[in-house]
Amino acid sequence: MKEHGKFRQRIDAINEKREINSTKYRMTNFLLTVLFPVFIVSMAEINQGKYVSKFILFVAKKPTIFLFNILLASGIFYTLLYIFKKSWIASAIEGLSYFTLSIVELFKYGTNGNHLILTDMKLAKSIKSLTSFAYIKITPMLLIYTFIVLAYLFAVFWFNPKINPKPQKRIITIASCLTACVSVIAIPSISMPVYSFFEIDTSESSNTFKLNEKFENNSFLAFFVQTASENFSKRIVEPKDYNSETIDEMLEENSEDNKITTQNKPNVIVIMSESFADFRRIAKDLETDAYDGFDETAKEGYSGTAIVPTFGSFTVRTEFELNFGLPVKSLNDPNMPQRLLIDREQPTVARYYSDLGYKTAYIHTFLRSFYDRDTIYSNFGFDEMYFEDNLTVPVEYRNSYIDDSVIFNQIEKLLKDNDEPMFIHTTTMQNHQPYNQGKDPDDELGNYLDGVSDMTKDFREFINYLKTIDEPTVVMMVGDHYPSFKGEDNIYNQLEINGETCSVLYEQPYLIWTNDKKEIDSSVIPNEKISTFYLPYVLMDSIGLKEDSFVQTMLTKMKEVPVYSTHYNSEIPNDEELDILTYDRVLGENISDD
């Protein structure tokens, strides 16, 4: 009790001293308060840019953007100040939040070459999963900058500047600052003129590389705010002609009678391989045998090029297109399209096979909670879902993640244990970043290709196993996206790929293979490039499974609009029919689910 009493006395003594400081050092308190927005903006920008010299050059080159950052930070700061009436609370809330975001931006770009945007905040509850593949490097400069920020916050706490405004002035100030900040971010008719006045880059960031170029033009805070405005402006609205009559008319045009042409329903296995990409397409002088297993299987089957909707991250974009057969472009390209889904049974590809008498399974060798797969995907029509914690085969790891051979073993076990034909969708994990684990920690591409080599060898062994079983089985394999490497001096920068030349990074090879050639009609597999969301329909058509009017409609759209992807080509015009059908199945009344 005595110790507790002494501690309380010390706290009281400190607070008494702080109360004295509030009136004794009026000019110091005035400066600490007025200069705080300038200070925290400067420190956050210096931190993410790493060097003071880089920050000074940016301010000299683009003073209007620096002024915008200060004004926005001031609006937030004075809102907090007039709410709490104590400068140390307002400074701590804004300072710690802003500087922490700056550190997160630093690590995120250093990890995968992508800059932080507002929608990334949706992954905050998956922070444990994210840190498992993040490059977190605590440098002396980061420690110094953090110390400077904490020292300033301590000074504000010690000198204790505070205000005591009249209620009317307090309400007006809070309302004015809050309204100004929210309006600039969320109301396009206000934000666009403001961004134009302060010379902020508002060009369309239709791919990751253009997004990164915008960051260099705008700096951290202006970039974060402008992309948030961009996100608000892309909110999905109901299409003008969305109604049952429009959808019925679209489907009736493709309602011919169909028959099941296969004598036996083959097992159907979809393998979406994490970060699988063919670097021979962009590095012409690359000599490697890493792709031999894939190449051998493609020669025995059928192959083509799919246009995936993402680069470097956000696997769920490609996974959404494969699971729904719908374009993310029609949803304004959200990073996590599955988050838009209404909580109900979904009209997915898995449910299509289930309705035809297939047993369905989903396999992903990572945390079930990442991207909320366990809860969201439970509506997708999978009879069974397997994650890293409930696999029924022995588990082995390759570096940080479960080896892809485990997935192939799990598929084999499911085929052995079930008499019904099976539809299995797998999302692998082995080749996810980081790529500093291997013979040379600095050779990210070499380490990545070693992983690809191991994966394609395991894949080839799996294919050889399928040749030995009596059940007709069809396999489709495609990568979700090119891998993301560290932000500086990565292979993409070395190849001088930019926002205008990066389309090739959205092209992914895919293959369709069967252990019974009679099960595949190769004539329906397109020679031209097609968007990933068409692949499920190509697979259905090549197998000869019963096609309802929706499947027929999508096959017709594939011939009319083979590629529908903003990231691949931002000049592709919107297609009203694809947009209406996608809205119907994701946010609408499911009229098309016949």
Foldseek 3Di string as FASTA:
>chain_A
DVVVVVVVVVVVVLVVLLVVLQPPVVVVLVCLQVCLLVVLLLLLLCLLVVHNVVSVVLCVVQVLLSVVSSLLSNLQLLLVQLVVQWNLVSSCVSNVVSNVLSLVQSFVCQQFVFGDAPLCVVCVVVVVVVVLFIDRDDDPSNVVSVVVSVVSSVVSVRSIHGDDDDPVVSVVSNVVSVCVNCCLQQPVVNVVVSCVVSVQDLDDPLARQSLSVSCVNNTDPSSRRSVSSVVNVLADDADPPQDLVVLCVLLVVQFDFADQPDPADFAEEEEAEEQDFDCCVQVVPDDDCLCVLVVVQCVQFPKAKAQFFHAADLLQQLVVLQFALAHCVLSVNDSQLLVLFDPAQFPTLLVVVVVVPAAEEEEEAADCPRSVNVRSVVSSNHPYYYYNVDQPDDWDADPSTTQCLSVLVSVVVVVVVDPGRYYYYYYYDRLADDQLPDPHNVCSVVSSSVSSSSNSVSVSVSVVVQLPDPGKHKYKYKYSFHHGYGNPPDPCVVSVDGQVRCLVRSMIMMTMGISDVVQFDVVLPDHHYAHSSLVSLSVCVGRRHGDGSVSSSSSVVCVVPRYDYSSNPVPPDDDSVSSSCVCCRGPRVVSVSD
